[in-house]
């Protein structure tokens, strides 16, 4: 489970860079077309939350903290709500929610193994 949190954290940090750059371009396109959409801003927020949640997941890989789960869920929901015509944001938001579920399962499994040891 430590390795799983480490892998998700690293993948999340790499993904945050991709989402951030894509969102800046989408936001620039929204500003040029003046369509009033906020997909670029939502994606940028998701990128920041992916970065922070990835760092926290790596730091807490041997503990059961739920901070990364909360950040992944908030980022995923923000991305889904603000996506608009920015179709890739639906994918990145879904990935963020999947990361939240996986880390939550890791936390529950580590809790079960702790109670079995005691």
PDB file of N, CA and C in Angstrom:
ATOM      1  N   UNK A   1       0.814  -1.187   0.000  1.00  0.00           N
ATOM      2  CA  UNK A   1       0.000   0.000   0.000  1.00  0.00           C
ATOM      3  C   UNK A   1       0.864   1.259   0.000  1.00  0.00           C
ATOM      4  N   UNK A   2       2.051   1.158   0.618  1.00  0.00           N
ATOM      5  CA  UNK A   2       2.970   2.288   0.560  1.00  0.00           C
ATOM      6  C   UNK A   2       3.384   2.559  -0.874  1.00  0.00           C
ATOM      7  N   UNK A   3       3.668   1.482  -1.591  1.00  0.00           N
ATOM      8  CA  UNK A   3       4.096   1.629  -2.985  1.00  0.00           C
ATOM      9  C   UNK A   3       2.968   2.183  -3.840  1.00  0.00           C
ATOM     10  N   UNK A   4       1.748   1.749  -3.587  1.00  0.00           N
ATOM     11  CA  UNK A   4       0.596   2.243  -4.345  1.00  0.00           C
ATOM     12  C   UNK A   4       0.391   3.740  -4.144  1.00  0.00           C
ATOM     13  N   UNK A   5       0.513   4.193  -2.899  1.00  0.00           N
ATOM     14  CA  UNK A   5       0.375   5.629  -2.637  1.00  0.00           C
ATOM     15  C   UNK A   5       1.512   6.415  -3.280  1.00  0.00           C
ATOM     16  N   UNK A   6       2.710   5.839  -3.279  1.00  0.00           N
ATOM     17  CA  UNK A   6       3.849   6.500  -3.916  1.00  0.00           C
ATOM     18  C   UNK A   6       3.633   6.631  -5.416  1.00  0.00           C
ATOM     19  N   UNK A   7       3.156   5.561  -6.042  1.00  0.00           N
ATOM     20  CA  UNK A   7       2.918   5.585  -7.488  1.00  0.00           C
ATOM     21  C   UNK A   7       1.814   6.580  -7.837  1.00  0.00           C
ATOM     22  N   UNK A   8       0.735   6.569  -7.081  1.00  0.00           N
ATOM     23  CA  UNK A   8      -0.360   7.514  -7.336  1.00  0.00           C
ATOM     24  C   UNK A   8       0.115   8.943  -7.122  1.00  0.00           C
ATOM     25  N   UNK A   9       0.919   9.171  -6.091  1.00  0.00           N
ATOM     26  CA  UNK A   9       1.437  10.505  -5.836  1.00  0.00           C
ATOM     27  C   UNK A   9       2.319  11.007  -6.972  1.00  0.00           C
ATOM     28  N   UNK A  10       3.222  10.168  -7.459  1.00  0.00           N
ATOM     29  CA  UNK A  10       4.105  10.564  -8.558  1.00  0.00           C
ATOM     30  C   UNK A  10       3.302  10.790  -9.829  1.00  0.00           C
ATOM     31  N   UNK A  11       2.384   9.877 -10.123  1.00  0.00           N
ATOM     32  CA  UNK A  11       1.549  10.035 -11.320  1.00  0.00           C
ATOM     33  C   UNK A  11       0.700  11.295 -11.227  1.00  0.00           C
ATOM     34  N   UNK A  12       0.238  11.607 -10.036  1.00  0.00           N
ATOM     35  CA  UNK A  12      -0.579  12.801  -9.830  1.00  0.00           C
ATOM     36  C   UNK A  12       0.236  14.072 -10.071  1.00  0.00           C
ATOM     37  N   UNK A  13       1.480  14.085  -9.620  1.00  0.00           N
ATOM     38  CA  UNK A  13       2.329  15.254  -9.829  1.00  0.00           C
ATOM     39  C   UNK A  13       2.611  15.454 -11.315  1.00  0.00           C
ATOM     40  N   UNK A  14       2.916  14.374 -12.029  1.00  0.00           N
ATOM     41  CA  UNK A  14       3.154  14.471 -13.469  1.00  0.00           C
ATOM     42  C   UNK A  14       1.883  14.912 -14.185  1.00  0.00           C
ATOM     43  N   UNK A  15       0.754  14.350 -13.792  1.00  0.00           N
ATOM     44  CA  UNK A  15      -0.521  14.697 -14.406  1.00  0.00           C
ATOM     45  C   UNK A  15      -0.904  16.149 -14.140  1.00  0.00           C
ATOM     46  N   UNK A  16      -0.505  16.672 -12.982  1.00  0.00           N
ATOM     47  CA  UNK A  16      -0.831  18.065 -12.673  1.00  0.00           C
ATOM     48  C   UNK A  16      -0.159  19.029 -13.640  1.00  0.00           C
ATOM     49  N   UNK A  17       1.047  18.689 -14.083  1.00  0.00           N
ATOM     50  CA  UNK A  17       1.739  19.538 -15.050  1.00  0.00           C
ATOM     51  C   UNK A  17       1.003  19.517 -16.392  1.00  0.00           C
ATOM     52  N   UNK A  18       0.595  18.335 -16.821  1.00  0.00           N
ATOM     53  CA  UNK A  18      -0.137  18.206 -18.085  1.00  0.00           C
ATOM     54  C   UNK A  18      -1.464  18.945 -18.021  1.00  0.00           C
ATOM     55  N   UNK A  19      -2.203  18.726 -16.945  1.00  0.00           N
ATOM     56  CA  UNK A  19      -3.511  19.388 -16.782  1.00  0.00           C
ATOM     57  C   UNK A  19      -3.344  20.897 -16.688  1.00  0.00           C
ATOM     58  N   UNK A  20      -2.315  21.343 -15.988  1.00  0.00           N
ATOM     59  CA  UNK A  20      -2.082  22.778 -15.854  1.00  0.00           C
ATOM     60  C   UNK A  20      -1.817  23.449 -17.191  1.00  0.00           C
ATOM     61  N   UNK A  21      -0.935  22.858 -18.000  1.00  0.00           N
ATOM     62  CA  UNK A  21      -0.635  23.457 -19.303  1.00  0.00           C
ATOM     63  C   UNK A  21      -1.839  23.399 -20.240  1.00  0.00           C
ATOM     64  N   UNK A  22      -2.545  22.283 -20.243  1.00  0.00           N
ATOM     65  CA  UNK A  22      -3.746  22.184 -21.081  1.00  0.00           C
ATOM     66  C   UNK A  22      -4.787  23.213 -20.661  1.00  0.00           C
ATOM     67  N   UNK A  23      -4.918  23.416 -19.372  1.00  0.00           N
ATOM     68  CA  UNK A  23      -5.920  24.353 -18.870  1.00  0.00           C
ATOM     69  C   UNK A  23      -5.558  25.787 -19.201  1.00  0.00           C
ATOM     70  N   UNK A  24      -4.259  26.099 -19.168  1.00  0.00           N
ATOM     71  CA  UNK A  24      -3.859  27.454 -19.549  1.00  0.00           C
ATOM     72  C   UNK A  24      -4.198  27.727 -21.011  1.00  0.00           C
ATOM     73  N   UNK A  25      -3.972  26.730 -21.855  1.00  0.00           N
ATOM     74  CA  UNK A  25      -4.303  26.897 -23.273  1.00  0.00           C
ATOM     75  C   UNK A  25      -5.812  26.987 -23.463  1.00  0.00           C
ATOM     76  N   UNK A  26      -6.575  26.156 -22.743  1.00  0.00           N
ATOM     77  CA  UNK A  26      -8.037  26.209 -22.847  1.00  0.00           C
ATOM     78  C   UNK A  26      -8.564  27.536 -22.319  1.00  0.00           C
ATOM     79  N   UNK A  27      -7.992  28.035 -21.232  1.00  0.00           N
ATOM     80  CA  UNK A  27      -8.408  29.322 -20.703  1.00  0.00           C
ATOM     81  C   UNK A  27      -8.085  30.462 -21.654  1.00  0.00           C
ATOM     82  N   UNK A  28      -6.935  30.368 -22.311  1.00  0.00           N
ATOM     83  CA  UNK A  28      -6.569  31.372 -23.309  1.00  0.00           C
ATOM     84  C   UNK A  28      -7.547  31.339 -24.477  1.00  0.00           C
ATOM     85  N   UNK A  29      -7.938  30.131 -24.896  1.00  0.00           N
ATOM     86  CA  UNK A  29      -8.936  29.999 -25.963  1.00  0.00           C
ATOM     87  C   UNK A  29     -10.288  30.542 -25.554  1.00  0.00           C
ATOM     88  N   UNK A  30     -10.672  30.295 -24.303  1.00  0.00           N
ATOM     89  CA  UNK A  30     -11.940  30.840 -23.806  1.00  0.00           C
ATOM     90  C   UNK A  30     -11.908  32.364 -23.780  1.00  0.00           C
ATOM     91  N   UNK A  31     -10.775  32.921 -23.403  1.00  0.00           N
ATOM     92  CA  UNK A  31     -10.667  34.383 -23.352  1.00  0.00           C
ATOM     93  C   UNK A  31     -10.702  34.988 -24.752  1.00  0.00           C
ATOM     94  N   UNK A  32     -10.054  34.328 -25.704  1.00  0.00           N
ATOM     95  CA  UNK A  32     -10.050  34.847 -27.074  1.00  0.00           C
ATOM     96  C   UNK A  32     -11.430  34.775 -27.716  1.00  0.00           C
ATOM     97  N   UNK A  33     -12.128  33.676 -27.461  1.00  0.00           N
ATOM     98  CA  UNK A  33     -13.446  33.521 -28.078  1.00  0.00           C
ATOM     99  C   UNK A  33     -14.544  34.222 -27.289  1.00  0.00           C
ATOM    100  N   UNK A  34     -14.239  34.671 -26.085  1.00  0.00           N
ATOM    101  CA  UNK A  34     -15.194  35.376 -25.221  1.00  0.00           C
ATOM    102  C   UNK A  34     -16.512  34.612 -25.073  1.00  0.00           C
ATOM    103  N   UNK A  35     -16.392  33.303 -24.820  1.00  0.00           N
ATOM    104  CA  UNK A  35     -17.591  32.478 -24.706  1.00  0.00           C
ATOM    105  C   UNK A  35     -18.116  32.366 -23.273  1.00  0.00           C
ATOM    106  N   UNK A  36     -17.416  32.942 -22.309  1.00  0.00           N
ATOM    107  CA  UNK A  36     -17.895  32.949 -20.931  1.00  0.00           C
ATOM    108  C   UNK A  36     -17.711  31.641 -20.192  1.00  0.00           C
ATOM    109  N   UNK A  37     -17.013  30.688 -20.755  1.00  0.00           N
ATOM    110  CA  UNK A  37     -16.791  29.412 -20.076  1.00  0.00           C
ATOM    111  C   UNK A  37     -15.613  29.520 -19.119  1.00  0.00           C
ATOM    112  N   UNK A  38     -15.610  28.648 -18.136  1.00  0.00           N
ATOM    113  CA  UNK A  38     -14.540  28.679 -17.139  1.00  0.00           C
ATOM    114  C   UNK A  38     -13.815  27.341 -17.040  1.00  0.00           C
ATOM    115  N   UNK A  39     -13.761  26.600 -18.148  1.00  0.00           N
ATOM    116  CA  UNK A  39     -13.088  25.306 -18.144  1.00  0.00           C
ATOM    117  C   UNK A  39     -11.603  25.421 -17.874  1.00  0.00           C
ATOM    118  N   UNK A  40     -10.978  26.469 -18.399  1.00  0.00           N
ATOM    119  CA  UNK A  40      -9.554  26.660 -18.158  1.00  0.00           C
ATOM    120  C   UNK A  40      -9.253  26.917 -16.695  1.00  0.00           C
ATOM    121  N   UNK A  41     -10.071  27.720 -16.064  1.00  0.00           N
ATOM    122  CA  UNK A  41      -9.875  28.013 -14.636  1.00  0.00           C
ATOM    123  C   UNK A  41     -10.125  26.765 -13.790  1.00  0.00           C
ATOM    124  N   UNK A  42     -11.155  26.010 -14.130  1.00  0.00           N
ATOM    125  CA  UNK A  42     -11.444  24.776 -13.404  1.00  0.00           C
ATOM    126  C   UNK A  42     -10.327  23.767 -13.549  1.00  0.00           C
ATOM    127  N   UNK A  43      -9.775  23.672 -14.747  1.00  0.00           N
ATOM    128  CA  UNK A  43      -8.663  22.759 -14.968  1.00  0.00           C
ATOM    129  C   UNK A  43      -7.408  23.184 -14.234  1.00  0.00           C
ATOM    130  N   UNK A  44      -7.175  24.492 -14.169  1.00  0.00           N
ATOM    131  CA  UNK A  44      -6.011  24.982 -13.442  1.00  0.00           C
ATOM    132  C   UNK A  44      -6.146  24.687 -11.952  1.00  0.00           C
ATOM    133  N   UNK A  45      -7.350  24.857 -11.402  1.00  0.00           N
ATOM    134  CA  UNK A  45      -7.586  24.505  -9.997  1.00  0.00           C
ATOM    135  C   UNK A  45      -7.395  23.007  -9.771  1.00  0.00           C
ATOM    136  N   UNK A  46      -7.880  22.210 -10.711  1.00  0.00           N
ATOM    137  CA  UNK A  46      -7.687  20.765 -10.607  1.00  0.00           C
ATOM    138  C   UNK A  46      -6.200  20.425 -10.645  1.00  0.00           C
ATOM    139  N   UNK A  47      -5.445  21.091 -11.510  1.00  0.00           N
ATOM    140  CA  UNK A  47      -4.009  20.840 -11.584  1.00  0.00           C
ATOM    141  C   UNK A  47      -3.306  21.162 -10.279  1.00  0.00           C
ATOM    142  N   UNK A  48      -3.677  22.274  -9.658  1.00  0.00           N
ATOM    143  CA  UNK A  48      -3.074  22.637  -8.367  1.00  0.00           C
ATOM    144  C   UNK A  48      -3.433  21.611  -7.298  1.00  0.00           C
ATOM    145  N   UNK A  49      -4.701  21.195  -7.273  1.00  0.00           N
ATOM    146  CA  UNK A  49      -5.118  20.210  -6.269  1.00  0.00           C
ATOM    147  C   UNK A  49      -4.474  18.845  -6.521  1.00  0.00           C
ATOM    148  N   UNK A  50      -4.276  18.474  -7.783  1.00  0.00           N
ATOM    149  CA  UNK A  50      -3.569  17.224  -8.084  1.00  0.00           C
ATOM    150  C   UNK A  50      -2.128  17.290  -7.589  1.00  0.00           C
ATOM    151  N   UNK A  51      -1.489  18.434  -7.788  1.00  0.00           N
ATOM    152  CA  UNK A  51      -0.106  18.597  -7.337  1.00  0.00           C
ATOM    153  C   UNK A  51      -0.007  18.494  -5.817  1.00  0.00           C
ATOM    154  N   UNK A  52      -0.846  19.222  -5.113  1.00  0.00           N
ATOM    155  CA  UNK A  52      -0.795  19.213  -3.649  1.00  0.00           C
ATOM    156  C   UNK A  52      -1.181  17.841  -3.096  1.00  0.00           C
ATOM    157  N   UNK A  53      -2.225  17.234  -3.656  1.00  0.00           N
ATOM    158  CA  UNK A  53      -2.653  15.913  -3.182  1.00  0.00           C
ATOM    159  C   UNK A  53      -1.583  14.863  -3.458  1.00  0.00           C
ATOM    160  N   UNK A  54      -0.897  14.975  -4.594  1.00  0.00           N
ATOM    161  CA  UNK A  54       0.183  14.036  -4.894  1.00  0.00           C
ATOM    162  C   UNK A  54       1.333  14.155  -3.918  1.00  0.00           C
ATOM    163  N   UNK A  55       1.703  15.386  -3.586  1.00  0.00           N
ATOM    164  CA  UNK A  55       2.782  15.589  -2.613  1.00  0.00           C
ATOM    165  C   UNK A  55       2.381  15.056  -1.246  1.00  0.00           C
ATOM    166  N   UNK A  56       1.152  15.347  -0.831  1.00  0.00           N
ATOM    167  CA  UNK A  56       0.682  14.868   0.480  1.00  0.00           C
ATOM    168  C   UNK A  56       0.575  13.345   0.487  1.00  0.00           C
ATOM    169  N   UNK A  57       0.153  12.740  -0.608  1.00  0.00           N
ATOM    170  CA  UNK A  57       0.059  11.277  -0.676  1.00  0.00           C
ATOM    171  C   UNK A  57       1.438  10.634  -0.550  1.00  0.00           C
ATOM    172  N   UNK A  58       2.443  11.266  -1.151  1.00  0.00           N
ATOM    173  CA  UNK A  58       3.799  10.726  -1.037  1.00  0.00           C
ATOM    174  C   UNK A  58       4.309  10.865   0.398  1.00  0.00           C
ATOM    175  N   UNK A  59       4.065  12.007   1.000  1.00  0.00           N
ATOM    176  CA  UNK A  59       4.538  12.240   2.365  1.00  0.00           C
ATOM    177  C   UNK A  59       3.813  11.327   3.356  1.00  0.00           C
ATOM    178  N   UNK A  60       2.520  11.095   3.150  1.00  0.00           N
ATOM    179  CA  UNK A  60       1.728  10.289   4.077  1.00  0.00           C
ATOM    180  C   UNK A  60       1.615   8.834   3.651  1.00  0.00           C
ATOM    181  N   UNK A  61       2.515   8.344   2.850  1.00  0.00           N
ATOM    182  CA  UNK A  61       2.332   6.992   2.314  1.00  0.00           C
ATOM    183  C   UNK A  61       2.355   5.910   3.379  1.00  0.00           C
ATOM    184  N   UNK A  62       2.955   6.170   4.525  1.00  0.00           N
ATOM    185  CA  UNK A  62       2.951   5.160   5.581  1.00  0.00           C
ATOM    186  C   UNK A  62       1.906   5.451   6.664  1.00  0.00           C
ATOM    187  N   UNK A  63       1.092   6.473   6.439  1.00  0.00           N
ATOM    188  CA  UNK A  63       0.036   6.822   7.398  1.00  0.00           C
ATOM    189  C   UNK A  63      -1.326   6.742   6.712  1.00  0.00           C
ATOM    190  N   UNK A  64      -2.382   6.897   7.524  1.00  0.00           N
ATOM    191  CA  UNK A  64      -3.733   6.775   6.995  1.00  0.00           C
ATOM    192  C   UNK A  64      -4.428   8.107   6.827  1.00  0.00           C
ATOM    193  N   UNK A  65      -3.767   9.170   6.544  1.00  0.00           N
ATOM    194  CA  UNK A  65      -4.398  10.473   6.429  1.00  0.00           C
ATOM    195  C   UNK A  65      -5.368  10.556   5.258  1.00  0.00           C
ATOM    196  N   UNK A  66      -6.457  11.267   5.445  1.00  0.00           N
ATOM    197  CA  UNK A  66      -7.466  11.420   4.394  1.00  0.00           C
ATOM    198  C   UNK A  66      -7.356  12.745   3.651  1.00  0.00           C
ATOM    199  N   UNK A  67      -6.322  13.523   3.910  1.00  0.00           N
ATOM    200  CA  UNK A  67      -6.169  14.810   3.229  1.00  0.00           C
ATOM    201  C   UNK A  67      -6.068  14.652   1.709  1.00  0.00           C
ATOM    202  N   UNK A  68      -5.283  13.687   1.188  1.00  0.00           N
ATOM    203  CA  UNK A  68      -5.245  13.549  -0.278  1.00  0.00           C
ATOM    204  C   UNK A  68      -6.595  13.140  -0.855  1.00  0.00           C
ATOM    205  N   UNK A  69      -7.328  12.318  -0.134  1.00  0.00           N
ATOM    206  CA  UNK A  69      -8.648  11.885  -0.606  1.00  0.00           C
ATOM    207  C   UNK A  69      -9.563  13.091  -0.761  1.00  0.00           C
ATOM    208  N   UNK A  70      -9.552  13.953   0.237  1.00  0.00           N
ATOM    209  CA  UNK A  70     -10.410  15.142   0.197  1.00  0.00           C
ATOM    210  C   UNK A  70     -10.008  16.057  -0.953  1.00  0.00           C
ATOM    211  N   UNK A  71      -8.692  16.241  -1.141  1.00  0.00           N
ATOM    212  CA  UNK A  71      -8.234  17.110  -2.235  1.00  0.00           C
ATOM    213  C   UNK A  71      -8.566  16.535  -3.608  1.00  0.00           C
ATOM    214  N   UNK A  72      -8.423  15.222  -3.760  1.00  0.00           N
ATOM    215  CA  UNK A  72      -8.777  14.592  -5.036  1.00  0.00           C
ATOM    216  C   UNK A  72     -10.271  14.735  -5.318  1.00  0.00           C
ATOM    217  N   UNK A  73     -11.099  14.562  -4.298  1.00  0.00           N
ATOM    218  CA  UNK A  73     -12.546  14.672  -4.494  1.00  0.00           C
ATOM    219  C   UNK A  73     -12.932  16.107  -4.841  1.00  0.00           C
ATOM    220  N   UNK A  74     -12.388  17.077  -4.108  1.00  0.00           N
ATOM    221  CA  UNK A  74     -12.704  18.481  -4.394  1.00  0.00           C
ATOM    222  C   UNK A  74     -12.256  18.844  -5.805  1.00  0.00           C
ATOM    223  N   UNK A  75     -11.040  18.449  -6.179  1.00  0.00           N
ATOM    224  CA  UNK A  75     -10.549  18.738  -7.527  1.00  0.00           C
ATOM    225  C   UNK A  75     -11.381  18.073  -8.607  1.00  0.00           C
ATOM    226  N   UNK A  76     -11.758  16.822  -8.376  1.00  0.00           N
ATOM    227  CA  UNK A  76     -12.576  16.115  -9.356  1.00  0.00           C
ATOM    228  C   UNK A  76     -13.949  16.746  -9.530  1.00  0.00           C
ATOM    229  N   UNK A  77     -14.570  17.117  -8.429  1.00  0.00           N
ATOM    230  CA  UNK A  77     -15.895  17.737  -8.522  1.00  0.00           C
ATOM    231  C   UNK A  77     -15.828  19.130  -9.156  1.00  0.00           C
ATOM    232  N   UNK A  78     -14.795  19.903  -8.805  1.00  0.00           N
ATOM    233  CA  UNK A  78     -14.632  21.217  -9.428  1.00  0.00           C
ATOM    234  C   UNK A  78     -14.430  21.077 -10.937  1.00  0.00           C
ATOM    235  N   UNK A  79     -13.611  20.114 -11.323  1.00  0.00           N
ATOM    236  CA  UNK A  79     -13.371  19.900 -12.742  1.00  0.00           C
ATOM    237  C   UNK A  79     -14.628  19.481 -13.486  1.00  0.00           C
ATOM    238  N   UNK A  80     -15.408  18.600 -12.874  1.00  0.00           N
ATOM    239  CA  UNK A  80     -16.641  18.156 -13.528  1.00  0.00           C
ATOM    240  C   UNK A  80     -17.651  19.289 -13.652  1.00  0.00           C
ATOM    241  N   UNK A  81     -17.706  20.139 -12.642  1.00  0.00           N
ATOM    242  CA  UNK A  81     -18.675  21.237 -12.663  1.00  0.00           C
ATOM    243  C   UNK A  81     -18.287  22.356 -13.626  1.00  0.00           C
ATOM    244  N   UNK A  82     -16.997  22.615 -13.778  1.00  0.00           N
ATOM    245  CA  UNK A  82     -16.550  23.758 -14.564  1.00  0.00           C
ATOM    246  C   UNK A  82     -16.056  23.399 -15.962  1.00  0.00           C
ATOM    247  N   UNK A  83     -16.145  22.144 -16.362  1.00  0.00           N
ATOM    248  CA  UNK A  83     -15.530  21.713 -17.618  1.00  0.00           C
ATOM    249  C   UNK A  83     -16.089  22.422 -18.846  1.00  0.00           C
ATOM    250  N   UNK A  84     -17.380  22.513 -18.989  1.00  0.00           N
ATOM    251  CA  UNK A  84     -17.963  23.150 -20.172  1.00  0.00           C
ATOM    252  C   UNK A  84     -17.592  22.396 -21.440  1.00  0.00           C
ATOM    253  N   UNK A  85     -17.006  23.088 -22.415  1.00  0.00           N
ATOM    254  CA  UNK A  85     -16.626  22.439 -23.672  1.00  0.00           C
ATOM    255  C   UNK A  85     -15.215  21.873 -23.626  1.00  0.00           C
ATOM    256  N   UNK A  86     -14.534  22.019 -22.517  1.00  0.00           N
ATOM    257  CA  UNK A  86     -13.178  21.488 -22.338  1.00  0.00           C
ATOM    258  C   UNK A  86     -13.307  20.008 -21.986  1.00  0.00           C
ATOM    259  N   UNK A  87     -13.397  19.160 -23.024  1.00  0.00           N
ATOM    260  CA  UNK A  87     -13.747  17.749 -22.849  1.00  0.00           C
ATOM    261  C   UNK A  87     -12.688  16.963 -22.088  1.00  0.00           C
ATOM    262  N   UNK A  88     -11.418  17.318 -22.220  1.00  0.00           N
ATOM    263  CA  UNK A  88     -10.380  16.587 -21.500  1.00  0.00           C
ATOM    264  C   UNK A  88     -10.510  16.736 -19.994  1.00  0.00           C
ATOM    265  N   UNK A  89     -11.110  17.806 -19.558  1.00  0.00           N
ATOM    266  CA  UNK A  89     -11.252  18.036 -18.122  1.00  0.00           C
ATOM    267  C   UNK A  89     -12.166  16.987 -17.488  1.00  0.00           C
ATOM    268  N   UNK A  90     -13.117  16.464 -18.238  1.00  0.00           N
ATOM    269  CA  UNK A  90     -13.953  15.372 -17.716  1.00  0.00           C
ATOM    270  C   UNK A  90     -13.093  14.141 -17.431  1.00  0.00           C
ATOM    271  N   UNK A  91     -12.140  13.874 -18.307  1.00  0.00           N
ATOM    272  CA  UNK A  91     -11.245  12.722 -18.122  1.00  0.00           C
ATOM    273  C   UNK A  91     -10.362  12.934 -16.900  1.00  0.00           C
ATOM    274  N   UNK A  92      -9.718  14.107 -16.798  1.00  0.00           N
ATOM    275  CA  UNK A  92      -8.814  14.373 -15.679  1.00  0.00           C
ATOM    276  C   UNK A  92      -9.579  14.391 -14.354  1.00  0.00           C
ATOM    277  N   UNK A  93     -10.789  14.899 -14.362  1.00  0.00           N
ATOM    278  CA  UNK A  93     -11.595  14.917 -13.143  1.00  0.00           C
ATOM    279  C   UNK A  93     -11.964  13.500 -12.716  1.00  0.00           C
ATOM    280  N   UNK A  94     -12.278  12.667 -13.678  1.00  0.00           N
ATOM    281  CA  UNK A  94     -12.590  11.266 -13.364  1.00  0.00           C
ATOM    282  C   UNK A  94     -11.369  10.549 -12.805  1.00  0.00           C
ATOM    283  N   UNK A  95     -10.196  10.828 -13.365  1.00  0.00           N
ATOM    284  CA  UNK A  95      -8.962  10.238 -12.848  1.00  0.00           C
ATOM    285  C   UNK A  95      -8.726  10.689 -11.407  1.00  0.00           C
ATOM    286  N   UNK A  96      -8.994  11.952 -11.128  1.00  0.00           N
ATOM    287  CA  UNK A  96      -8.836  12.462  -9.765  1.00  0.00           C
ATOM    288  C   UNK A  96      -9.778  11.741  -8.801  1.00  0.00           C
ATOM    289  N   UNK A  97     -11.006  11.521  -9.206  1.00  0.00           N
ATOM    290  CA  UNK A  97     -11.956  10.802  -8.347  1.00  0.00           C
ATOM    291  C   UNK A  97     -11.550   9.343  -8.167  1.00  0.00           C
ATOM    292  N   UNK A  98     -10.986   8.739  -9.211  1.00  0.00           N
ATOM    293  CA  UNK A  98     -10.495   7.356  -9.098  1.00  0.00           C
ATOM    294  C   UNK A  98      -9.332   7.289  -8.117  1.00  0.00           C
ATOM    295  N   UNK A  99      -8.417   8.277  -8.181  1.00  0.00           N
ATOM    296  CA  UNK A  99      -7.314   8.332  -7.218  1.00  0.00           C
ATOM    297  C   UNK A  99      -7.850   8.430  -5.795  1.00  0.00           C
ATOM    298  N   UNK A 100      -8.897   9.223  -5.600  1.00  0.00           N
ATOM    299  CA  UNK A 100      -9.484   9.372  -4.268  1.00  0.00           C
ATOM    300  C   UNK A 100     -10.011   8.029  -3.758  1.00  0.00           C
ATOM    301  N   UNK A 101     -10.691   7.303  -4.613  1.00  0.00           N
ATOM    302  CA  UNK A 101     -11.244   6.004  -4.212  1.00  0.00           C
ATOM    303  C   UNK A 101     -10.124   5.014  -3.892  1.00  0.00           C
ATOM    304  N   UNK A 102      -9.084   4.993  -4.710  1.00  0.00           N
ATOM    305  CA  UNK A 102      -7.982   4.052  -4.487  1.00  0.00           C
ATOM    306  C   UNK A 102      -7.268   4.348  -3.172  1.00  0.00           C
ATOM    307  N   UNK A 103      -6.970   5.611  -2.916  1.00  0.00           N
ATOM    308  CA  UNK A 103      -6.275   5.948  -1.669  1.00  0.00           C
ATOM    309  C   UNK A 103      -7.187   5.694  -0.465  1.00  0.00           C
ATOM    310  N   UNK A 104      -8.477   5.943  -0.606  1.00  0.00           N
ATOM    311  CA  UNK A 104      -9.414   5.642   0.476  1.00  0.00           C
ATOM    312  C   UNK A 104      -9.416   4.145   0.778  1.00  0.00           C
ATOM    313  N   UNK A 105      -9.394   3.315  -0.260  1.00  0.00           N
ATOM    314  CA  UNK A 105      -9.342   1.855  -0.065  1.00  0.00           C
ATOM    315  C   UNK A 105      -8.032   1.456   0.604  1.00  0.00           C
ATOM    316  N   UNK A 106      -6.913   2.061   0.169  1.00  0.00           N
ATOM    317  CA  UNK A 106      -5.630   1.783   0.822  1.00  0.00           C
ATOM    318  C   UNK A 106      -5.685   2.139   2.304  1.00  0.00           C
ATOM    319  N   UNK A 107      -6.302   3.268   2.630  1.00  0.00           N
ATOM    320  CA  UNK A 107      -6.409   3.673   4.035  1.00  0.00           C
ATOM    321  C   UNK A 107      -7.261   2.692   4.835  1.00  0.00           C
ATOM    322  N   UNK A 108      -8.343   2.224   4.257  1.00  0.00           N
ATOM    323  CA  UNK A 108      -9.206   1.266   4.962  1.00  0.00           C
ATOM    324  C   UNK A 108      -8.497  -0.078   5.141  1.00  0.00           C
ATOM    325  N   UNK A 109      -7.754  -0.500   4.123  1.00  0.00           N
ATOM    326  CA  UNK A 109      -7.034  -1.769   4.242  1.00  0.00           C
ATOM    327  C   UNK A 109      -5.932  -1.685   5.285  1.00  0.00           C
ATOM    328  N   UNK A 110      -5.244  -0.537   5.362  1.00  0.00           N
ATOM    329  CA  UNK A 110      -4.197  -0.410   6.368  1.00  0.00           C
ATOM    330  C   UNK A 110      -4.801  -0.373   7.766  1.00  0.00           C
ATOM    331  N   UNK A 111      -6.013   0.162   7.893  1.00  0.00           N
ATOM    332  CA  UNK A 111      -6.696   0.170   9.188  1.00  0.00           C
ATOM    333  C   UNK A 111      -7.043  -1.259   9.600  1.00  0.00           C
ATOM    334  N   UNK A 112      -7.480  -2.067   8.636  1.00  0.00           N
ATOM    335  CA  UNK A 112      -7.826  -3.456   8.946  1.00  0.00           C
ATOM    336  C   UNK A 112      -6.600  -4.255   9.354  1.00  0.00           C
ATOM    337  N   UNK A 113      -5.473  -4.028   8.693  1.00  0.00           N
ATOM    338  CA  UNK A 113      -4.262  -4.769   9.059  1.00  0.00           C
ATOM    339  C   UNK A 113      -3.741  -4.324  10.413  1.00  0.00           C
ATOM    340  N   UNK A 114      -3.932  -3.045  10.788  1.00  0.00           N
ATOM    341  CA  UNK A 114      -3.514  -2.588  12.102  1.00  0.00           C
ATOM    342  C   UNK A 114      -4.342  -3.245  13.196  1.00  0.00           C
ATOM    343  N   UNK A 115      -5.643  -3.399  12.981  1.00  0.00           N
ATOM    344  CA  UNK A 115      -6.485  -4.011  14.011  1.00  0.00           C
ATOM    345  C   UNK A 115      -6.214  -5.506  14.109  1.00  0.00           C
ATOM    346  N   UNK A 116      -5.816  -6.158  13.030  1.00  0.00           N
ATOM    347  CA  UNK A 116      -5.499  -7.575  13.071  1.00  0.00           C
ATOM    348  C   UNK A 116      -4.197  -7.820  13.833  1.00  0.00           C
ATOM    349  N   UNK A 117      -3.243  -6.916  13.720  1.00  0.00           N
ATOM    350  CA  UNK A 117      -1.956  -7.062  14.404  1.00  0.00           C
ATOM    351  C   UNK A 117      -2.127  -6.906  15.896  1.00  0.00           C
ATOM    352  N   UNK A 118      -2.990  -5.993  16.319  1.00  0.00           N
ATOM    353  CA  UNK A 118      -3.174  -5.742  17.751  1.00  0.00           C
ATOM    354  C   UNK A 118      -3.920  -6.864  18.370  1.00  0.00           C
TER     355      UNK A 118
END
